[in-house]
Amino acid sequence: METLIFKSELLSLIKEKPELNSLDDSYVDSIFQSLLDARSIIKLNSYSSFKQCKRSKVCNTLVSSTRKILRERYGVFIRKPLVSFKKNLSLVDSFNSPIVDIILNSHQSTFERFSYYSSFYPLLFEELFSLGLKKSFSLGDFACGYNPLSYKFLPVKPSKYFACDLSEVDMGLINSFFKQTNIVGSAKGFNILSDDFFKFLESNSFDVVFLFKALDSLEAVKKHSSKSFLDKIDSDILVVSFPLVSIGGNVVIDSSKRSWFENFCVKQGWFFKTLSLPNELFYIIVKNDHIQ
């Protein structure tokens, strides 16, 4: 296939939107490439300058289509980019710092959870400990968004905290937060449906894994992908959540859309129980019978 001449310029153009700017070029490129075909490349390469190229219909279509997918998977949750708090985070020396609350309110999911963290986390961990989670536990927070900054609300702190999400830039800032506040943890940019992440899962285990509002996005990428993904996670306990209302709270999501997930857990022989917030439904899942 012909090489795309203005590829780097096109990726930069796609990322001009503030809510997409922190995404890794490699991930943006993977989405962009999935929308390209040989005919589009020939048309884009027919222009003598990028200025001419970006005014073309084929360029506008590809850029807008790529942005649409990236917004659905990442950008729609970003009320304010984490990188805009880089200077503030560099001054944070406690996970109780007031700036942490401001940042938590800058991501749609943690914004919706913010008023409930202080009451919900103790209830969640009471259930987790009753189901066999040990007091010294490792925590994996996959597709985490800004959730690691809710650390101060955890009633019992994990012995080790691992967080990951799409943006390496965001995860770098989470790493700085961990280091500056003496949290034993690490964060890494991962596409959790990538081969690299599956290799990571092969050599890493966790006592409990959070997957908050992640599975709908995985299913949108590839139907049934979340089933094999959950099965690959080496953890006896999972906490999986789904939104109960659309972003913005205008549309109530039909609960029957979650029946596939409950049926999957039953088929796997996994025990589960639920907890809910006004905007979010949580499943606490025990994968191995011996823990109960």
Protein backbone atom coordinates (compact mmCIF):
# COMPACT_ATOMS: atom_id res chain seq x y z
CA MET A 1 0.00 0.00 0.00
CA GLU A 2 1.23 3.49 -0.85
CA THR A 3 2.79 5.48 2.00
CA LEU A 4 0.79 8.46 3.24
CA ILE A 5 2.87 11.61 2.75
CA PHE A 6 1.21 13.93 5.27
CA LYS A 7 0.63 11.37 8.00
CA SER A 8 2.28 13.23 10.91
CA GLU A 9 0.53 16.47 9.97
CA LEU A 10 -2.82 14.68 9.82
CA LEU A 11 -2.32 13.12 13.24
CA SER A 12 -1.47 16.55 14.68
CA LEU A 13 -4.58 18.00 13.05
CA ILE A 14 -6.77 15.30 14.59
CA LYS A 15 -5.28 16.01 18.03
CA GLU A 16 -5.82 19.78 17.85
CA LYS A 17 -8.99 19.34 19.91
CA PRO A 18 -8.07 19.86 23.60
CA GLU A 19 -9.93 16.76 24.76
CA LEU A 20 -7.88 14.59 22.37
CA ASN A 21 -4.48 16.24 22.66
CA SER A 22 -3.13 13.92 25.36
CA LEU A 23 -3.76 10.74 23.38
CA ASP A 24 -0.72 8.85 22.14
CA ASP A 25 0.06 9.28 18.44
CA SER A 26 0.22 5.51 18.06
CA TYR A 27 -3.36 5.07 19.27
CA VAL A 28 -4.68 7.95 17.17
CA ASP A 29 -2.86 6.46 14.19
CA SER A 30 -4.41 3.03 14.77
CA ILE A 31 -7.91 4.52 14.55
CA PHE A 32 -6.99 6.70 11.58
CA GLN A 33 -5.45 3.75 9.72
CA SER A 34 -8.58 1.66 10.26
CA LEU A 35 -10.56 4.27 8.33
CA LEU A 36 -8.06 4.65 5.47
CA ASP A 37 -8.26 2.79 2.21
CA ALA A 38 -5.99 2.80 -0.86
CA ARG A 39 -8.22 5.26 -2.70
CA SER A 40 -8.12 7.76 0.18
CA ILE A 41 -4.32 7.57 0.36
CA ILE A 42 -3.98 8.24 -3.36
CA LYS A 43 -6.27 11.27 -3.07
CA LEU A 44 -4.45 12.65 -0.02
CA ASN A 45 -1.07 12.15 -1.69
CA SER A 46 -2.20 14.01 -4.81
CA TYR A 47 -1.85 17.37 -3.06
CA SER A 48 1.42 19.27 -3.28
CA SER A 49 1.11 20.78 0.21
CA PHE A 50 -0.60 19.93 3.48
CA LYS A 51 -2.43 23.25 3.32
CA GLN A 52 -4.17 22.04 0.17
CA CYS A 53 -4.65 18.55 1.57
CA LYS A 54 -6.45 19.62 4.74
CA ARG A 55 -8.97 21.65 2.73
CA SER A 56 -10.03 18.56 0.78
CA LYS A 57 -13.25 16.65 1.36
CA VAL A 58 -11.47 13.34 1.87
CA CYS A 59 -9.23 14.88 4.56
CA ASN A 60 -12.15 16.50 6.38
CA THR A 61 -14.10 13.25 6.32
CA LEU A 62 -11.22 11.17 7.67
CA VAL A 63 -10.30 13.69 10.36
CA SER A 64 -13.88 14.12 11.58
CA SER A 65 -14.52 10.33 11.53
CA THR A 66 -11.33 9.65 13.52
CA ARG A 67 -12.18 12.37 16.03
CA LYS A 68 -15.68 10.94 16.46
CA ILE A 69 -14.30 7.52 17.45
CA LEU A 70 -11.68 9.06 19.76
CA ARG A 71 -14.29 11.20 21.47
CA GLU A 72 -16.52 8.18 22.06
CA ARG A 73 -13.66 6.20 23.61
CA TYR A 74 -11.86 8.98 25.47
CA GLY A 75 -12.65 12.62 24.74
CA VAL A 76 -16.30 12.62 25.82
CA PHE A 77 -15.21 11.96 29.42
CA ILE A 78 -12.71 14.83 29.54
CA ARG A 79 -14.23 17.93 31.09
CA LYS A 80 -10.75 19.46 31.41
CA PRO A 81 -7.53 17.73 30.25
CA LEU A 82 -5.33 16.39 33.04
CA VAL A 83 -2.28 17.96 31.40
CA SER A 84 -3.78 21.40 32.10
CA PHE A 85 -3.15 20.64 35.81
CA LYS A 86 0.49 19.68 35.27
CA LYS A 87 1.86 22.71 37.16
CA ASN A 88 -0.63 22.26 40.01
CA LEU A 89 0.17 18.57 40.30
CA SER A 90 3.89 19.31 40.49
CA LEU A 91 3.18 21.15 43.78
CA VAL A 92 1.00 18.44 45.33
CA ASP A 93 2.62 16.75 48.32
CA SER A 94 -0.49 15.12 49.82
CA PHE A 95 -3.31 13.12 48.32
CA ASN A 96 -5.60 15.31 50.46
CA SER A 97 -4.58 18.44 48.58
CA PRO A 98 -7.55 20.67 47.52
CA ILE A 99 -6.41 20.56 43.88
CA VAL A 100 -7.18 16.83 43.87
CA ASP A 101 -10.89 17.56 44.30
CA ILE A 102 -10.79 20.03 41.42
CA ILE A 103 -9.13 17.45 39.17
CA LEU A 104 -11.61 14.72 40.13
CA ASN A 105 -14.38 17.06 39.00
CA SER A 106 -12.63 17.53 35.65
CA HIS A 107 -13.42 14.03 34.35
CA GLN A 108 -17.04 13.07 33.72
CA SER A 109 -16.94 9.75 35.55
CA THR A 110 -15.18 10.99 38.68
CA PHE A 111 -17.30 14.16 38.58
CA GLU A 112 -20.43 11.99 38.78
CA ARG A 113 -18.91 9.88 41.57
CA PHE A 114 -17.39 12.72 43.55
CA SER A 115 -20.25 13.35 45.99
CA TYR A 116 -20.49 9.63 46.75
CA TYR A 117 -16.87 8.49 47.11
CA SER A 118 -16.76 9.06 50.88
CA SER A 119 -19.83 6.89 51.49
CA PHE A 120 -19.54 4.46 48.59
CA TYR A 121 -15.96 3.27 48.99
CA PRO A 122 -16.43 2.15 52.64
CA LEU A 123 -19.56 0.24 51.61
CA LEU A 124 -17.77 -1.31 48.64
CA PHE A 125 -14.78 -2.42 50.70
CA GLU A 126 -17.00 -3.79 53.46
CA GLU A 127 -18.47 -6.08 50.80
CA LEU A 128 -15.05 -6.91 49.33
CA PHE A 129 -13.60 -7.89 52.70
CA SER A 130 -16.69 -9.98 53.50
CA LEU A 131 -16.08 -11.85 50.24
CA GLY A 132 -12.51 -12.68 51.16
CA LEU A 133 -10.35 -9.77 50.02
CA LYS A 134 -7.31 -9.72 52.29
CA LYS A 135 -6.48 -6.57 54.25
CA SER A 136 -3.16 -6.22 52.43
CA PHE A 137 -4.26 -6.18 48.81
CA SER A 138 -3.01 -5.10 45.41
CA LEU A 139 -5.35 -3.04 43.25
CA GLY A 140 -5.52 -2.80 39.47
CA ASP A 141 -7.49 0.15 38.13
CA PHE A 142 -7.96 -0.47 34.39
CA ALA A 143 -9.28 2.22 32.01
CA CYS A 144 -8.97 4.37 35.11
CA GLY A 145 -9.49 7.93 33.87
CA TYR A 146 -8.77 10.22 36.82
CA ASN A 147 -10.00 7.65 39.39
CA PRO A 148 -6.56 7.07 41.01
CA LEU A 149 -6.86 10.57 42.46
CA SER A 150 -9.78 9.31 44.55
CA TYR A 151 -7.14 7.47 46.62
CA LYS A 152 -7.87 9.56 49.72
CA PHE A 153 -11.39 8.11 49.87
CA LEU A 154 -10.21 4.48 50.02
CA PRO A 155 -10.95 3.29 53.60
CA VAL A 156 -8.03 0.85 53.42
CA LYS A 157 -5.08 1.72 51.23
CA PRO A 158 -3.78 -0.94 48.83
CA SER A 159 -0.30 -2.36 49.28
CA LYS A 160 0.23 -1.63 45.60
CA TYR A 161 -1.85 0.38 43.12
CA PHE A 162 -1.54 -0.09 39.37
CA ALA A 163 -3.47 2.19 37.03
CA CYS A 164 -3.73 2.30 33.25
CA ASP A 165 -5.60 4.17 30.56
CA LEU A 166 -5.18 5.14 26.92
CA SER A 167 -3.05 8.26 27.39
CA GLU A 168 0.61 7.87 28.32
CA VAL A 169 0.65 11.61 29.10
CA ASP A 170 -2.17 11.24 31.63
CA MET A 171 -0.55 8.19 33.17
CA GLY A 172 2.74 10.04 33.48
CA LEU A 173 0.94 12.66 35.57
CA ILE A 174 -0.70 9.94 37.67
CA ASN A 175 2.77 8.47 38.24
CA SER A 176 3.98 11.86 39.45
CA PHE A 177 0.99 12.07 41.79
CA PHE A 178 1.82 8.64 43.22
CA LYS A 179 5.47 9.54 43.71
CA GLN A 180 4.88 12.96 45.26
CA THR A 181 2.28 11.67 47.71
CA ASN A 182 4.26 8.52 48.67
CA ILE A 183 1.67 6.15 47.23
CA VAL A 184 3.10 2.75 46.35
CA GLY A 185 1.85 2.60 42.80
CA SER A 186 2.52 2.97 39.11
CA ALA A 187 0.57 3.99 36.02
CA LYS A 188 1.06 3.15 32.37
CA GLY A 189 -0.57 4.07 29.09
CA PHE A 190 -2.29 0.99 27.66
CA ASN A 191 -4.99 0.19 25.18
CA ILE A 192 -6.52 -2.62 27.23
CA LEU A 193 -7.55 -4.53 24.10
CA SER A 194 -4.01 -4.48 22.71
CA ASP A 195 -1.64 -7.43 22.45
CA ASP A 196 0.79 -5.50 24.67
CA PHE A 197 -1.76 -5.36 27.46
CA PHE A 198 -2.66 -9.02 27.11
CA LYS A 199 1.05 -9.83 27.48
CA PHE A 200 1.10 -7.64 30.58
CA LEU A 201 -1.83 -9.60 32.01
CA GLU A 202 0.03 -12.87 31.47
CA SER A 203 2.70 -11.87 34.00
CA ASN A 204 0.75 -9.70 36.46
CA SER A 205 -1.93 -10.54 39.00
CA PHE A 206 -4.02 -8.41 41.36
CA ASP A 207 -6.12 -9.12 44.43
CA VAL A 208 -8.89 -6.88 43.10
CA VAL A 209 -9.39 -5.09 39.78
CA PHE A 210 -11.58 -2.05 39.09
CA LEU A 211 -13.14 -1.71 35.64
CA PHE A 212 -15.37 1.33 35.97
CA LYS A 213 -17.52 2.19 32.94
CA ALA A 214 -15.10 0.38 30.63
CA LEU A 215 -16.96 -2.56 29.14
CA ASP A 216 -19.41 -0.59 26.98
CA SER A 217 -16.43 0.99 25.23
CA LEU A 218 -14.79 -2.40 24.72
CA GLU A 219 -17.99 -3.81 23.25
CA ALA A 220 -18.24 -0.83 20.91
CA VAL A 221 -14.75 -1.62 19.60
CA LYS A 222 -15.41 -5.35 19.20
CA LYS A 223 -18.52 -7.24 20.24
CA HIS A 224 -17.91 -9.88 22.94
CA SER A 225 -14.31 -8.64 23.42
CA SER A 226 -14.95 -7.84 27.08
CA LYS A 227 -15.81 -11.48 27.81
CA SER A 228 -12.40 -12.80 26.77
CA PHE A 229 -10.76 -9.77 28.38
CA LEU A 230 -12.36 -10.43 31.78
CA ASP A 231 -11.38 -14.07 31.57
CA LYS A 232 -7.72 -13.15 31.01
CA ILE A 233 -7.48 -10.98 34.14
CA ASP A 234 -5.62 -12.80 36.92
CA SER A 235 -7.67 -11.58 39.85
CA ASP A 236 -10.15 -13.40 42.06
CA ILE A 237 -12.28 -10.28 42.52
CA LEU A 238 -13.45 -7.76 39.94
CA VAL A 239 -15.49 -4.60 40.42
CA VAL A 240 -17.15 -3.74 37.12
CA SER A 241 -19.48 -0.79 36.62
CA PHE A 242 -21.89 0.45 34.00
CA PRO A 243 -23.54 3.86 33.58
CA LEU A 244 -27.22 4.08 34.49
CA VAL A 245 -27.74 7.30 32.54
CA SER A 246 -26.16 8.78 29.46
CA ILE A 247 -23.39 11.35 29.77
CA GLY A 248 -25.12 14.54 30.83
CA GLY A 249 -27.86 12.55 32.56
CA ASN A 250 -30.53 13.13 29.93
CA VAL A 251 -31.31 9.52 29.02
CA VAL A 252 -31.87 6.59 31.38
CA ILE A 253 -30.12 3.46 30.07
CA ASP A 254 -32.35 0.39 29.83
CA SER A 255 -31.24 -2.13 32.45
CA SER A 256 -31.93 -5.00 30.03
CA LYS A 257 -28.79 -3.91 28.16
CA ARG A 258 -26.79 -5.42 31.05
CA SER A 259 -28.42 -8.86 30.83
CA TRP A 260 -25.60 -10.13 28.58
CA PHE A 261 -23.12 -9.39 31.34
CA GLU A 262 -25.08 -11.14 34.07
CA ASN A 263 -25.66 -14.13 31.78
CA PHE A 264 -21.93 -14.26 31.06
CA CYS A 265 -21.07 -14.29 34.78
CA VAL A 266 -23.58 -17.08 35.40
CA LYS A 267 -22.18 -19.10 32.50
CA GLN A 268 -18.66 -18.68 33.89
CA GLY A 269 -19.81 -19.79 37.32
CA TRP A 270 -18.83 -16.45 38.85
CA PHE A 271 -20.64 -15.18 41.93
CA PHE A 272 -21.75 -11.55 41.78
CA LYS A 273 -23.69 -8.98 43.73
CA THR A 274 -24.50 -5.35 42.96
CA LEU A 275 -24.22 -1.91 44.49
CA SER A 276 -25.49 1.25 42.88
CA LEU A 277 -25.11 5.00 42.79
CA PRO A 278 -27.68 7.25 41.12
CA ASN A 279 -25.69 7.24 37.86
CA GLU A 280 -23.73 3.99 38.07
CA LEU A 281 -24.31 0.29 38.72
CA PHE A 282 -21.46 -1.76 40.21
CA TYR A 283 -21.00 -5.52 40.01
CA ILE A 284 -18.77 -7.14 42.61
CA ILE A 285 -17.61 -10.40 41.06
CA VAL A 286 -15.85 -13.34 42.68
CA LYS A 287 -14.25 -15.48 40.00
CA ASN A 288 -13.06 -18.36 42.16
CA ASP A 289 -15.40 -20.23 44.52
CA HIS A 290 -12.76 -20.75 47.20
CA ILE A 291 -12.73 -17.04 48.09
CA GLN A 292 -16.37 -16.87 49.21
